[in-house]
Amino acid sequence: MSQLTNANALAYFSFPFGNFFELTVHGLLCVLSLAYATFFCLFAILLLGLVFFWNSAYRLIATIT
């Protein structure tokens, strides 16, 4: 049984770096997760910047008036 499993694994990974479909799916998942992480980080930075700016503007307006 282990010999059959080894043969299947060898046939499965014989294509340059693995099964093309698997590579494509994993590549897409990787790109999507990286895009999601990048968007999340940018959104968090934007939100923090907005809060900081709003706080500064509010203090400035309160100081002026």
PDB file of N, CA and C in Angstrom:
ATOM      1  N   MET A   1       0.834  -1.204   0.000  1.00  0.00           N
ATOM      2  CA  MET A   1       0.000   0.000   0.000  1.00  0.00           C
ATOM      3  C   MET A   1       0.875   1.262   0.000  1.00  0.00           C
ATOM      4  N   SER A   2       1.938   1.231   0.794  1.00  0.00           N
ATOM      5  CA  SER A   2       2.795   2.409   0.845  1.00  0.00           C
ATOM      6  C   SER A   2       3.509   2.628  -0.483  1.00  0.00           C
ATOM      7  N   GLN A   3       3.828   1.520  -1.174  1.00  0.00           N
ATOM      8  CA  GLN A   3       4.472   1.669  -2.478  1.00  0.00           C
ATOM      9  C   GLN A   3       3.525   2.333  -3.469  1.00  0.00           C
ATOM     10  N   LEU A   4       2.262   1.950  -3.422  1.00  0.00           N
ATOM     11  CA  LEU A   4       1.265   2.566  -4.299  1.00  0.00           C
ATOM     12  C   LEU A   4       1.118   4.054  -3.965  1.00  0.00           C
ATOM     13  N   THR A   5       1.089   4.367  -2.685  1.00  0.00           N
ATOM     14  CA  THR A   5       0.984   5.765  -2.264  1.00  0.00           C
ATOM     15  C   THR A   5       2.196   6.554  -2.736  1.00  0.00           C
ATOM     16  N   ASN A   6       3.373   5.971  -2.605  1.00  0.00           N
ATOM     17  CA  ASN A   6       4.584   6.646  -3.059  1.00  0.00           C
ATOM     18  C   ASN A   6       4.555   6.862  -4.562  1.00  0.00           C
ATOM     19  N   ALA A   7       4.057   5.854  -5.305  1.00  0.00           N
ATOM     20  CA  ALA A   7       3.970   5.991  -6.758  1.00  0.00           C
ATOM     21  C   ALA A   7       2.986   7.095  -7.125  1.00  0.00           C
ATOM     22  N   ASN A   8       1.870   7.148  -6.420  1.00  0.00           N
ATOM     23  CA  ASN A   8       0.887   8.202  -6.688  1.00  0.00           C
ATOM     24  C   ASN A   8       1.467   9.575  -6.368  1.00  0.00           C
ATOM     25  N   ALA A   9       2.182   9.670  -5.261  1.00  0.00           N
ATOM     26  CA  ALA A   9       2.786  10.949  -4.889  1.00  0.00           C
ATOM     27  C   ALA A   9       3.830  11.353  -5.918  1.00  0.00           C
ATOM     28  N   LEU A  10       4.605  10.376  -6.396  1.00  0.00           N
ATOM     29  CA  LEU A  10       5.628  10.671  -7.393  1.00  0.00           C
ATOM     30  C   LEU A  10       4.984  11.146  -8.690  1.00  0.00           C
ATOM     31  N   ALA A  11       3.902  10.477  -9.104  1.00  0.00           N
ATOM     32  CA  ALA A  11       3.210  10.886 -10.327  1.00  0.00           C
ATOM     33  C   ALA A  11       2.544  12.252 -10.129  1.00  0.00           C
ATOM     34  N   TYR A  12       2.045  12.486  -8.919  1.00  0.00           N
ATOM     35  CA  TYR A  12       1.339  13.738  -8.646  1.00  0.00           C
ATOM     36  C   TYR A  12       2.294  14.927  -8.677  1.00  0.00           C
ATOM     37  N   PHE A  13       3.502  14.725  -8.144  1.00  0.00           N
ATOM     38  CA  PHE A  13       4.455  15.826  -8.062  1.00  0.00           C
ATOM     39  C   PHE A  13       5.478  15.828  -9.191  1.00  0.00           C
ATOM     40  N   SER A  14       5.241  14.999 -10.207  1.00  0.00           N
ATOM     41  CA  SER A  14       6.236  14.927 -11.278  1.00  0.00           C
ATOM     42  C   SER A  14       6.163  16.146 -12.198  1.00  0.00           C
ATOM     43  N   PHE A  15       4.990  16.752 -12.350  1.00  0.00           N
ATOM     44  CA  PHE A  15       4.855  17.978 -13.135  1.00  0.00           C
ATOM     45  C   PHE A  15       5.648  19.077 -12.426  1.00  0.00           C
ATOM     46  N   PRO A  16       6.394  19.913 -13.223  1.00  0.00           N
ATOM     47  CA  PRO A  16       7.487  20.737 -12.677  1.00  0.00           C
ATOM     48  C   PRO A  16       7.517  20.934 -11.170  1.00  0.00           C
ATOM     49  N   PHE A  17       6.490  21.533 -10.607  1.00  0.00           N
ATOM     50  CA  PHE A  17       6.519  21.704  -9.154  1.00  0.00           C
ATOM     51  C   PHE A  17       5.263  21.152  -8.500  1.00  0.00           C
ATOM     52  N   GLY A  18       4.492  20.394  -9.235  1.00  0.00           N
ATOM     53  CA  GLY A  18       3.275  19.818  -8.679  1.00  0.00           C
ATOM     54  C   GLY A  18       2.163  19.860  -9.709  1.00  0.00           C
ATOM     55  N   ASN A  19       0.989  19.500  -9.286  1.00  0.00           N
ATOM     56  CA  ASN A  19      -0.181  19.500 -10.157  1.00  0.00           C
ATOM     57  C   ASN A  19      -0.509  20.943 -10.559  1.00  0.00           C
ATOM     58  N   PHE A  20      -0.722  21.162 -11.847  1.00  0.00           N
ATOM     59  CA  PHE A  20      -0.941  22.533 -12.335  1.00  0.00           C
ATOM     60  C   PHE A  20      -2.207  23.144 -11.739  1.00  0.00           C
ATOM     61  N   PHE A  21      -3.274  22.345 -11.639  1.00  0.00           N
ATOM     62  CA  PHE A  21      -4.521  22.847 -11.062  1.00  0.00           C
ATOM     63  C   PHE A  21      -4.321  23.253  -9.604  1.00  0.00           C
ATOM     64  N   GLU A  22      -3.615  22.395  -8.859  1.00  0.00           N
ATOM     65  CA  GLU A  22      -3.344  22.718  -7.458  1.00  0.00           C
ATOM     66  C   GLU A  22      -2.507  23.984  -7.339  1.00  0.00           C
ATOM     67  N   LEU A  23      -1.505  24.096  -8.196  1.00  0.00           N
ATOM     68  CA  LEU A  23      -0.667  25.297  -8.173  1.00  0.00           C
ATOM     69  C   LEU A  23      -1.497  26.539  -8.465  1.00  0.00           C
ATOM     70  N   THR A  24      -2.396  26.424  -9.447  1.00  0.00           N
ATOM     71  CA  THR A  24      -3.226  27.574  -9.808  1.00  0.00           C
ATOM     72  C   THR A  24      -4.142  27.972  -8.655  1.00  0.00           C
ATOM     73  N   VAL A  25      -4.795  26.979  -8.055  1.00  0.00           N
ATOM     74  CA  VAL A  25      -5.710  27.271  -6.949  1.00  0.00           C
ATOM     75  C   VAL A  25      -4.948  27.868  -5.772  1.00  0.00           C
ATOM     76  N   HIS A  26      -3.810  27.259  -5.434  1.00  0.00           N
ATOM     77  CA  HIS A  26      -3.039  27.784  -4.307  1.00  0.00           C
ATOM     78  C   HIS A  26      -2.475  29.164  -4.621  1.00  0.00           C
ATOM     79  N   GLY A  27      -2.081  29.376  -5.876  1.00  0.00           N
ATOM     80  CA  GLY A  27      -1.596  30.692  -6.273  1.00  0.00           C
ATOM     81  C   GLY A  27      -2.683  31.749  -6.151  1.00  0.00           C
ATOM     82  N   LEU A  28      -3.889  31.403  -6.600  1.00  0.00           N
ATOM     83  CA  LEU A  28      -5.006  32.348  -6.494  1.00  0.00           C
ATOM     84  C   LEU A  28      -5.342  32.635  -5.037  1.00  0.00           C
ATOM     85  N   LEU A  29      -5.364  31.582  -4.219  1.00  0.00           N
ATOM     86  CA  LEU A  29      -5.644  31.785  -2.801  1.00  0.00           C
ATOM     87  C   LEU A  29      -4.580  32.660  -2.155  1.00  0.00           C
ATOM     88  N   CYS A  30      -3.331  32.437  -2.534  1.00  0.00           N
ATOM     89  CA  CYS A  30      -2.235  33.242  -1.984  1.00  0.00           C
ATOM     90  C   CYS A  30      -2.393  34.703  -2.389  1.00  0.00           C
ATOM     91  N   VAL A  31      -2.673  34.939  -3.671  1.00  0.00           N
ATOM     92  CA  VAL A  31      -2.835  36.312  -4.154  1.00  0.00           C
ATOM     93  C   VAL A  31      -4.033  36.974  -3.488  1.00  0.00           C
ATOM     94  N   LEU A  32      -5.140  36.230  -3.372  1.00  0.00           N
ATOM     95  CA  LEU A  32      -6.330  36.797  -2.743  1.00  0.00           C
ATOM     96  C   LEU A  32      -6.084  37.115  -1.275  1.00  0.00           C
ATOM     97  N   SER A  33      -5.407  36.214  -0.568  1.00  0.00           N
ATOM     98  CA  SER A  33      -5.152  36.473   0.849  1.00  0.00           C
ATOM     99  C   SER A  33      -4.187  37.638   1.026  1.00  0.00           C
ATOM    100  N   LEU A  34      -3.193  37.745   0.134  1.00  0.00           N
ATOM    101  CA  LEU A  34      -2.280  38.889   0.203  1.00  0.00           C
ATOM    102  C   LEU A  34      -3.017  40.188  -0.089  1.00  0.00           C
ATOM    103  N   ALA A  35      -3.917  40.156  -1.080  1.00  0.00           N
ATOM    104  CA  ALA A  35      -4.691  41.354  -1.405  1.00  0.00           C
ATOM    105  C   ALA A  35      -5.596  41.733  -0.234  1.00  0.00           C
ATOM    106  N   TYR A  36      -6.205  40.724   0.396  1.00  0.00           N
ATOM    107  CA  TYR A  36      -7.073  40.990   1.537  1.00  0.00           C
ATOM    108  C   TYR A  36      -6.278  41.583   2.697  1.00  0.00           C
ATOM    109  N   ALA A  37      -5.092  41.001   2.960  1.00  0.00           N
ATOM    110  CA  ALA A  37      -4.254  41.510   4.051  1.00  0.00           C
ATOM    111  C   ALA A  37      -3.796  42.938   3.763  1.00  0.00           C
ATOM    112  N   THR A  38      -3.417  43.199   2.511  1.00  0.00           N
ATOM    113  CA  THR A  38      -2.981  44.545   2.136  1.00  0.00           C
ATOM    114  C   THR A  38      -4.124  45.541   2.297  1.00  0.00           C
ATOM    115  N   PHE A  39      -5.314  45.164   1.814  1.00  0.00           N
ATOM    116  CA  PHE A  39      -6.472  46.042   1.935  1.00  0.00           C
ATOM    117  C   PHE A  39      -6.809  46.298   3.398  1.00  0.00           C
ATOM    118  N   PHE A  40      -6.743  45.232   4.208  1.00  0.00           N
ATOM    119  CA  PHE A  40      -7.060  45.375   5.627  1.00  0.00           C
ATOM    120  C   PHE A  40      -6.076  46.317   6.308  1.00  0.00           C
ATOM    121  N   CYS A  41      -4.773  46.148   6.004  1.00  0.00           N
ATOM    122  CA  CYS A  41      -3.756  47.022   6.605  1.00  0.00           C
ATOM    123  C   CYS A  41      -3.942  48.469   6.158  1.00  0.00           C
ATOM    124  N   LEU A  42      -4.184  48.669   4.862  1.00  0.00           N
ATOM    125  CA  LEU A  42      -4.393  50.032   4.365  1.00  0.00           C
ATOM    126  C   LEU A  42      -5.633  50.652   4.991  1.00  0.00           C
ATOM    127  N   PHE A  43      -6.693  49.857   5.128  1.00  0.00           N
ATOM    128  CA  PHE A  43      -7.922  50.355   5.733  1.00  0.00           C
ATOM    129  C   PHE A  43      -7.694  50.728   7.190  1.00  0.00           C
ATOM    130  N   ALA A  44      -6.935  49.892   7.909  1.00  0.00           N
ATOM    131  CA  ALA A  44      -6.644  50.185   9.317  1.00  0.00           C
ATOM    132  C   ALA A  44      -5.810  51.454   9.446  1.00  0.00           C
ATOM    133  N   ILE A  45      -4.815  51.605   8.578  1.00  0.00           N
ATOM    134  CA  ILE A  45      -3.978  52.812   8.606  1.00  0.00           C
ATOM    135  C   ILE A  45      -4.816  54.046   8.275  1.00  0.00           C
ATOM    136  N   LEU A  46      -5.680  53.923   7.272  1.00  0.00           N
ATOM    137  CA  LEU A  46      -6.550  55.034   6.894  1.00  0.00           C
ATOM    138  C   LEU A  46      -7.488  55.403   8.035  1.00  0.00           C
ATOM    139  N   LEU A  47      -8.050  54.396   8.684  1.00  0.00           N
ATOM    140  CA  LEU A  47      -8.970  54.641   9.790  1.00  0.00           C
ATOM    141  C   LEU A  47      -8.253  55.322  10.957  1.00  0.00           C
ATOM    142  N   LEU A  48      -7.062  54.831  11.276  1.00  0.00           N
ATOM    143  CA  LEU A  48      -6.286  55.460  12.351  1.00  0.00           C
ATOM    144  C   LEU A  48      -5.919  56.897  11.995  1.00  0.00           C
ATOM    145  N   GLY A  49      -5.529  57.115  10.744  1.00  0.00           N
ATOM    146  CA  GLY A  49      -5.206  58.462  10.300  1.00  0.00           C
ATOM    147  C   GLY A  49      -6.410  59.381  10.368  1.00  0.00           C
ATOM    148  N   LEU A  50      -7.563  58.843   9.991  1.00  0.00           N
ATOM    149  CA  LEU A  50      -8.789  59.636  10.030  1.00  0.00           C
ATOM    150  C   LEU A  50      -9.147  60.006  11.469  1.00  0.00           C
ATOM    151  N   VAL A  51      -9.048  59.040  12.372  1.00  0.00           N
ATOM    152  CA  VAL A  51      -9.340  59.305  13.783  1.00  0.00           C
ATOM    153  C   VAL A  51      -8.369  60.340  14.339  1.00  0.00           C
ATOM    154  N   PHE A  52      -7.086  60.184  14.019  1.00  0.00           N
ATOM    155  CA  PHE A  52      -6.073  61.133  14.505  1.00  0.00           C
ATOM    156  C   PHE A  52      -6.332  62.528  13.943  1.00  0.00           C
ATOM    157  N   PHE A  53      -6.646  62.593  12.636  1.00  0.00           N
ATOM    158  CA  PHE A  53      -6.911  63.884  12.003  1.00  0.00           C
ATOM    159  C   PHE A  53      -8.156  64.530  12.603  1.00  0.00           C
ATOM    160  N   TRP A  54      -9.209  63.733  12.802  1.00  0.00           N
ATOM    161  CA  TRP A  54     -10.446  64.268  13.363  1.00  0.00           C
ATOM    162  C   TRP A  54     -10.215  64.785  14.780  1.00  0.00           C
ATOM    163  N   ASN A  55      -9.418  64.047  15.551  1.00  0.00           N
ATOM    164  CA  ASN A  55      -9.096  64.465  16.911  1.00  0.00           C
ATOM    165  C   ASN A  55      -8.303  65.770  16.897  1.00  0.00           C
ATOM    166  N   SER A  56      -7.329  65.872  16.002  1.00  0.00           N
ATOM    167  CA  SER A  56      -6.519  67.089  15.903  1.00  0.00           C
ATOM    168  C   SER A  56      -7.373  68.266  15.455  1.00  0.00           C
ATOM    169  N   ALA A  57      -8.215  68.042  14.441  1.00  0.00           N
ATOM    170  CA  ALA A  57      -9.067  69.119  13.938  1.00  0.00           C
ATOM    171  C   ALA A  57     -10.048  69.568  15.022  1.00  0.00           C
ATOM    172  N   TYR A  58     -10.590  68.614  15.759  1.00  0.00           N
ATOM    173  CA  TYR A  58     -11.532  68.955  16.824  1.00  0.00           C
ATOM    174  C   TYR A  58     -10.846  69.793  17.902  1.00  0.00           C
ATOM    175  N   ARG A  59      -9.630  69.414  18.271  1.00  0.00           N
ATOM    176  CA  ARG A  59      -8.893  70.185  19.275  1.00  0.00           C
ATOM    177  C   ARG A  59      -8.539  71.571  18.749  1.00  0.00           C
ATOM    178  N   LEU A  60      -8.181  71.642  17.465  1.00  0.00           N
ATOM    179  CA  LEU A  60      -7.835  72.933  16.869  1.00  0.00           C
ATOM    180  C   LEU A  60      -9.052  73.851  16.857  1.00  0.00           C
ATOM    181  N   ILE A  61     -10.194  73.319  16.453  1.00  0.00           N
ATOM    182  CA  ILE A  61     -11.425  74.120  16.420  1.00  0.00           C
ATOM    183  C   ILE A  61     -11.806  74.540  17.838  1.00  0.00           C
ATOM    184  N   ALA A  62     -11.650  73.615  18.790  1.00  0.00           N
ATOM    185  CA  ALA A  62     -11.974  73.945  20.183  1.00  0.00           C
ATOM    186  C   ALA A  62     -11.026  75.017  20.721  1.00  0.00           C
ATOM    187  N   THR A  63      -9.781  74.982  20.283  1.00  0.00           N
ATOM    188  CA  THR A  63      -8.812  75.991  20.732  1.00  0.00           C
ATOM    189  C   THR A  63      -9.131  77.351  20.130  1.00  0.00           C
ATOM    190  N   ILE A  64      -9.494  77.357  18.845  1.00  0.00           N
ATOM    191  CA  ILE A  64      -9.780  78.623  18.161  1.00  0.00           C
ATOM    192  C   ILE A  64     -11.038  79.269  18.726  1.00  0.00           C
ATOM    193  N   THR A  65     -12.071  78.479  18.920  1.00  0.00           N
ATOM    194  CA  THR A  65     -13.343  79.047  19.384  1.00  0.00           C
ATOM    195  C   THR A  65     -13.332  79.168  20.851  1.00  0.00           C
TER     196      THR A  65
END
